[in-house]
Amino acid sequence: MRLVGLISDTHGLLRAEALAALAGSDHIIHAGDIGDESILDELRKIAPVTAVYGNVDSTIMLRIWPETEIVELDGFAPTSCATWRDWI
């Protein structure tokens, strides 16, 4: 079984406590409001990362990351979505 780490709303700041909590993850999902590409670079040092953009992410980021993403890990496919309108 894989350990999947979940994080969101970093807004360009990745705290040491968050890194410690994600340590040992086999895959990390960032559920939006990343803030800066360097956040994903740091997370990739721990594990592969799947990310979606959020409403605070720049228009450049909107071209890089999708609004929604489905990742299948060991037969389980969590959906990551950063916008509420998709759930209403």
N, C-alpha and C. Protein backbone atom coordinates (compact mmCIF):
# COMPACT_ATOMS: atom_id res chain seq x y z
N MET A 1 0.84 -1.17 0.00
CA MET A 1 0.00 0.00 0.00
C MET A 1 0.89 1.25 0.00
N ARG A 2 0.52 2.20 -0.84
CA ARG A 2 1.27 3.45 -0.90
C ARG A 2 0.73 4.47 0.09
N LEU A 3 1.63 5.32 0.55
CA LEU A 3 1.25 6.43 1.42
C LEU A 3 1.16 7.67 0.56
N VAL A 4 -0.04 8.27 0.49
CA VAL A 4 -0.26 9.46 -0.33
C VAL A 4 -0.39 10.66 0.59
N GLY A 5 0.47 11.65 0.36
CA GLY A 5 0.41 12.90 1.12
C GLY A 5 -0.49 13.89 0.41
N LEU A 6 -1.25 14.66 1.16
CA LEU A 6 -2.15 15.65 0.60
C LEU A 6 -1.86 17.00 1.23
N ILE A 7 -1.71 18.02 0.37
CA ILE A 7 -1.43 19.37 0.85
C ILE A 7 -2.15 20.35 -0.07
N SER A 8 -2.47 21.51 0.44
CA SER A 8 -3.07 22.56 -0.38
C SER A 8 -2.80 23.91 0.26
N ASP A 9 -3.13 24.95 -0.46
CA ASP A 9 -3.09 26.32 0.06
C ASP A 9 -1.73 26.71 0.64
N THR A 10 -0.66 26.34 -0.04
CA THR A 10 0.66 26.74 0.42
C THR A 10 0.94 28.22 0.13
N HIS A 11 0.31 28.77 -0.89
CA HIS A 11 0.43 30.20 -1.20
C HIS A 11 1.88 30.66 -1.26
N GLY A 12 2.76 29.81 -1.79
CA GLY A 12 4.16 30.17 -1.94
C GLY A 12 5.01 29.95 -0.70
N LEU A 13 4.44 29.37 0.34
CA LEU A 13 5.17 29.14 1.59
C LEU A 13 5.03 27.68 1.98
N LEU A 14 6.15 26.99 2.11
CA LEU A 14 6.13 25.58 2.51
C LEU A 14 6.83 25.45 3.86
N ARG A 15 6.06 25.28 4.87
CA ARG A 15 6.59 25.23 6.24
C ARG A 15 7.31 23.90 6.52
N ALA A 16 8.26 23.96 7.42
CA ALA A 16 9.02 22.77 7.81
C ALA A 16 8.08 21.69 8.37
N GLU A 17 7.04 22.11 9.07
CA GLU A 17 6.08 21.16 9.64
C GLU A 17 5.35 20.39 8.54
N ALA A 18 5.06 21.07 7.45
CA ALA A 18 4.39 20.41 6.32
C ALA A 18 5.33 19.40 5.67
N LEU A 19 6.58 19.79 5.49
CA LEU A 19 7.56 18.86 4.91
C LEU A 19 7.73 17.63 5.80
N ALA A 20 7.77 17.85 7.11
CA ALA A 20 7.92 16.73 8.04
C ALA A 20 6.71 15.80 7.97
N ALA A 21 5.52 16.38 7.85
CA ALA A 21 4.30 15.56 7.77
C ALA A 21 4.24 14.75 6.48
N LEU A 22 4.82 15.28 5.40
CA LEU A 22 4.79 14.61 4.10
C LEU A 22 5.95 13.63 3.91
N ALA A 23 6.94 13.69 4.78
CA ALA A 23 8.09 12.79 4.68
C ALA A 23 7.62 11.34 4.71
N GLY A 24 8.16 10.55 3.81
CA GLY A 24 7.77 9.15 3.72
C GLY A 24 6.63 8.88 2.76
N SER A 25 6.05 9.95 2.21
CA SER A 25 4.97 9.77 1.22
C SER A 25 5.52 9.13 -0.04
N ASP A 26 4.72 8.29 -0.65
CA ASP A 26 5.09 7.68 -1.93
C ASP A 26 4.62 8.54 -3.11
N HIS A 27 3.65 9.38 -2.86
CA HIS A 27 3.12 10.30 -3.86
C HIS A 27 2.49 11.47 -3.10
N ILE A 28 2.58 12.67 -3.66
CA ILE A 28 2.00 13.85 -3.02
C ILE A 28 1.01 14.49 -3.98
N ILE A 29 -0.16 14.84 -3.47
CA ILE A 29 -1.15 15.58 -4.22
C ILE A 29 -1.23 16.98 -3.63
N HIS A 30 -1.01 17.98 -4.48
CA HIS A 30 -1.19 19.38 -4.05
C HIS A 30 -2.51 19.83 -4.65
N ALA A 31 -3.47 20.15 -3.80
CA ALA A 31 -4.83 20.44 -4.23
C ALA A 31 -5.11 21.91 -4.48
N GLY A 32 -4.11 22.65 -4.91
CA GLY A 32 -4.34 24.01 -5.38
C GLY A 32 -3.84 25.11 -4.46
N ASP A 33 -3.82 26.32 -5.04
CA ASP A 33 -3.26 27.51 -4.39
C ASP A 33 -1.79 27.27 -4.02
N ILE A 34 -1.04 26.87 -5.02
CA ILE A 34 0.38 26.54 -4.87
C ILE A 34 1.19 27.80 -4.56
N GLY A 35 1.03 28.80 -5.40
CA GLY A 35 1.70 30.08 -5.16
C GLY A 35 3.01 30.26 -5.88
N ASP A 36 3.78 29.21 -6.04
CA ASP A 36 5.08 29.32 -6.70
C ASP A 36 5.57 27.92 -7.09
N GLU A 37 6.16 27.82 -8.27
CA GLU A 37 6.67 26.54 -8.77
C GLU A 37 7.69 25.92 -7.82
N SER A 38 8.42 26.75 -7.08
CA SER A 38 9.44 26.24 -6.16
C SER A 38 8.83 25.32 -5.09
N ILE A 39 7.57 25.53 -4.77
CA ILE A 39 6.89 24.66 -3.80
C ILE A 39 6.86 23.23 -4.32
N LEU A 40 6.50 23.09 -5.59
CA LEU A 40 6.45 21.74 -6.18
C LEU A 40 7.85 21.14 -6.31
N ASP A 41 8.85 21.97 -6.58
CA ASP A 41 10.23 21.48 -6.63
C ASP A 41 10.64 20.87 -5.29
N GLU A 42 10.28 21.53 -4.21
CA GLU A 42 10.60 21.01 -2.87
C GLU A 42 9.83 19.71 -2.59
N LEU A 43 8.57 19.68 -2.96
CA LEU A 43 7.77 18.47 -2.73
C LEU A 43 8.29 17.29 -3.55
N ARG A 44 8.78 17.57 -4.77
CA ARG A 44 9.31 16.51 -5.62
C ARG A 44 10.57 15.87 -5.04
N LYS A 45 11.23 16.53 -4.11
CA LYS A 45 12.39 15.94 -3.43
C LYS A 45 11.94 14.81 -2.51
N ILE A 46 10.66 14.83 -2.14
CA ILE A 46 10.11 13.79 -1.26
C ILE A 46 9.50 12.66 -2.08
N ALA A 47 8.69 13.02 -3.09
CA ALA A 47 7.94 12.01 -3.86
C ALA A 47 7.41 12.65 -5.14
N PRO A 48 6.97 11.84 -6.10
CA PRO A 48 6.30 12.40 -7.28
C PRO A 48 5.09 13.23 -6.85
N VAL A 49 4.80 14.28 -7.61
CA VAL A 49 3.74 15.22 -7.25
C VAL A 49 2.72 15.34 -8.37
N THR A 50 1.45 15.34 -7.99
CA THR A 50 0.36 15.70 -8.89
C THR A 50 -0.24 16.98 -8.31
N ALA A 51 -0.42 18.00 -9.16
CA ALA A 51 -0.92 19.27 -8.66
C ALA A 51 -2.01 19.82 -9.57
N VAL A 52 -2.90 20.59 -8.97
CA VAL A 52 -3.90 21.36 -9.71
C VAL A 52 -3.77 22.81 -9.26
N TYR A 53 -4.23 23.72 -10.12
CA TYR A 53 -4.12 25.12 -9.75
C TYR A 53 -5.33 25.56 -8.93
N GLY A 54 -5.12 26.64 -8.19
CA GLY A 54 -6.21 27.23 -7.42
C GLY A 54 -6.41 28.68 -7.81
N ASN A 55 -7.33 29.34 -7.15
CA ASN A 55 -7.69 30.70 -7.53
C ASN A 55 -6.60 31.73 -7.25
N VAL A 56 -5.61 31.43 -6.44
CA VAL A 56 -4.52 32.39 -6.21
C VAL A 56 -3.34 32.19 -7.16
N ASP A 57 -3.37 31.11 -7.93
CA ASP A 57 -2.26 30.82 -8.83
C ASP A 57 -2.34 31.70 -10.08
N SER A 58 -1.18 32.13 -10.56
CA SER A 58 -1.10 33.07 -11.68
C SER A 58 -1.59 32.44 -12.98
N THR A 59 -1.83 33.30 -13.97
CA THR A 59 -2.28 32.80 -15.27
C THR A 59 -1.23 31.93 -15.93
N ILE A 60 0.04 32.15 -15.63
CA ILE A 60 1.09 31.27 -16.15
C ILE A 60 0.92 29.87 -15.57
N MET A 61 0.63 29.79 -14.28
CA MET A 61 0.42 28.50 -13.64
C MET A 61 -0.81 27.79 -14.21
N LEU A 62 -1.80 28.56 -14.62
CA LEU A 62 -3.02 27.97 -15.18
C LEU A 62 -2.72 27.19 -16.45
N ARG A 63 -1.67 27.59 -17.16
CA ARG A 63 -1.28 26.88 -18.38
C ARG A 63 -0.46 25.63 -18.07
N ILE A 64 0.12 25.57 -16.90
CA ILE A 64 0.99 24.45 -16.53
C ILE A 64 0.21 23.34 -15.84
N TRP A 65 -0.64 23.71 -14.88
CA TRP A 65 -1.36 22.72 -14.09
C TRP A 65 -2.83 22.71 -14.45
N PRO A 66 -3.45 21.55 -14.40
CA PRO A 66 -4.87 21.45 -14.74
C PRO A 66 -5.75 21.95 -13.59
N GLU A 67 -7.02 22.16 -13.92
CA GLU A 67 -8.00 22.55 -12.89
C GLU A 67 -8.41 21.33 -12.06
N THR A 68 -8.49 20.19 -12.70
CA THR A 68 -8.79 18.93 -11.99
C THR A 68 -7.82 17.86 -12.48
N GLU A 69 -7.62 16.86 -11.66
CA GLU A 69 -6.70 15.78 -12.02
C GLU A 69 -7.16 14.51 -11.33
N ILE A 70 -7.10 13.41 -12.06
CA ILE A 70 -7.39 12.10 -11.47
C ILE A 70 -6.12 11.27 -11.58
N VAL A 71 -5.68 10.75 -10.46
CA VAL A 71 -4.47 9.93 -10.42
C VAL A 71 -4.86 8.58 -9.83
N GLU A 72 -4.54 7.53 -10.55
CA GLU A 72 -4.85 6.20 -10.01
C GLU A 72 -3.60 5.64 -9.36
N LEU A 73 -3.73 5.30 -8.10
CA LEU A 73 -2.62 4.72 -7.33
C LEU A 73 -3.13 3.44 -6.68
N ASP A 74 -2.57 2.33 -7.07
CA ASP A 74 -2.95 1.03 -6.52
C ASP A 74 -4.46 0.78 -6.62
N GLY A 75 -5.06 1.17 -7.74
CA GLY A 75 -6.47 0.94 -7.96
C GLY A 75 -7.40 1.97 -7.34
N PHE A 76 -6.86 2.91 -6.61
CA PHE A 76 -7.65 3.97 -5.97
C PHE A 76 -7.43 5.25 -6.76
N ALA A 77 -8.49 5.98 -7.09
CA ALA A 77 -8.36 7.17 -7.91
C ALA A 77 -8.99 8.38 -7.24
N PRO A 78 -8.25 9.03 -6.31
CA PRO A 78 -8.80 10.25 -5.70
C PRO A 78 -8.84 11.37 -6.75
N THR A 79 -9.81 12.24 -6.65
CA THR A 79 -9.92 13.38 -7.54
C THR A 79 -9.52 14.62 -6.78
N SER A 80 -8.65 15.41 -7.37
CA SER A 80 -8.23 16.65 -6.73
C SER A 80 -8.80 17.81 -7.53
N CYS A 81 -9.49 18.70 -6.84
CA CYS A 81 -10.12 19.84 -7.49
C CYS A 81 -10.06 21.01 -6.53
N ALA A 82 -9.60 22.15 -7.01
CA ALA A 82 -9.43 23.31 -6.14
C ALA A 82 -10.58 24.30 -6.23
N THR A 83 -11.54 24.09 -7.10
CA THR A 83 -12.61 25.08 -7.25
C THR A 83 -13.94 24.53 -6.77
N TRP A 84 -14.61 25.29 -5.94
CA TRP A 84 -15.88 24.87 -5.36
C TRP A 84 -16.97 24.70 -6.39
N ARG A 85 -16.92 25.46 -7.48
CA ARG A 85 -18.01 25.41 -8.45
C ARG A 85 -18.16 24.01 -9.06
N ASP A 86 -17.09 23.22 -9.04
CA ASP A 86 -17.16 21.87 -9.57
C ASP A 86 -17.93 20.93 -8.66
N TRP A 87 -18.16 21.34 -7.43
CA TRP A 87 -18.83 20.48 -6.46
C TRP A 87 -20.27 20.92 -6.20
N ILE A 88 -20.69 22.03 -6.77
CA ILE A 88 -22.03 22.57 -6.52
C ILE A 88 -23.00 22.05 -7.57
